[in-house]
Amino acid sequence: MSVIQGVTVVSTRAEAARAGISFGSALAIAISWSLHHSILWAIVHGFFSWFYVIYYAVTR
């Protein structure tokens, strides 16, 4: 029984991690687009994801 619960917890955590990464990328792309209006910069900032979001928050 505890093994099944352990698998469920790991699966839930993996899903949450994947959702956080995609949300961070989307947020970085939206911030980048609103500032630069450049697809190239939006792609670059989407790659950096949360690092760019934190940088933006600290510098603004």
Protein backbone atom coordinates (compact mmCIF):
# COMPACT_ATOMS: atom_id res chain seq x y z
CA MET A 1 0.00 0.00 0.00
CA SER A 2 2.74 2.50 0.87
CA VAL A 3 4.57 1.72 -2.37
CA ILE A 4 1.51 2.68 -4.38
CA GLN A 5 1.18 5.90 -2.38
CA GLY A 6 4.88 6.62 -2.93
CA VAL A 7 4.46 6.20 -6.68
CA THR A 8 1.44 8.50 -6.63
CA VAL A 9 3.38 11.19 -4.75
CA VAL A 10 6.30 11.01 -7.19
CA SER A 11 3.91 11.20 -10.14
CA THR A 12 2.14 14.24 -8.67
CA ARG A 13 5.44 16.00 -8.02
CA ALA A 14 6.63 15.31 -11.56
CA GLU A 15 3.42 16.79 -12.96
CA ALA A 16 3.80 19.89 -10.79
CA ALA A 17 7.41 20.35 -11.91
CA ARG A 18 6.44 20.13 -15.57
CA ALA A 19 3.63 22.65 -15.07
CA GLY A 20 5.96 25.07 -13.27
CA ILE A 21 8.55 24.95 -16.02
CA SER A 22 6.03 25.64 -18.77
CA PHE A 23 4.40 28.45 -16.78
CA GLY A 24 7.80 30.06 -16.16
CA SER A 25 8.61 29.97 -19.85
CA ALA A 26 5.24 31.43 -20.81
CA LEU A 27 5.64 34.20 -18.25
CA ALA A 28 9.16 35.01 -19.46
CA ILE A 29 7.97 35.12 -23.08
CA ALA A 30 5.07 37.42 -22.20
CA ILE A 31 7.32 39.81 -20.27
CA SER A 32 9.91 39.78 -23.03
CA TRP A 33 7.34 40.44 -25.75
CA SER A 34 5.80 43.32 -23.82
CA LEU A 35 9.20 44.98 -23.45
CA HIS A 36 11.00 44.21 -26.73
CA HIS A 37 8.33 43.20 -29.29
CA SER A 38 10.85 40.73 -30.72
CA ILE A 39 10.24 37.05 -31.37
CA LEU A 40 13.97 36.30 -31.13
CA TRP A 41 14.27 37.86 -27.65
CA ALA A 42 11.05 36.12 -26.56
CA ILE A 43 12.53 32.74 -27.56
CA VAL A 44 15.81 33.47 -25.76
CA HIS A 45 14.04 34.65 -22.61
CA GLY A 46 11.64 31.70 -22.76
CA PHE A 47 14.67 29.41 -22.75
CA PHE A 48 15.96 31.07 -19.56
CA SER A 49 12.46 30.88 -18.06
CA TRP A 50 12.40 31.64 -14.33
CA PHE A 51 15.88 33.17 -14.39
CA TYR A 52 14.61 35.92 -16.68
CA VAL A 53 11.43 36.38 -14.64
CA ILE A 54 13.46 36.83 -11.44
CA TYR A 55 15.90 39.16 -13.22
CA TYR A 56 12.97 41.25 -14.47
CA ALA A 57 11.42 41.41 -10.99
CA VAL A 58 14.69 42.45 -9.35
CA THR A 59 15.61 45.10 -11.91
CA ARG A 60 12.18 46.77 -12.17
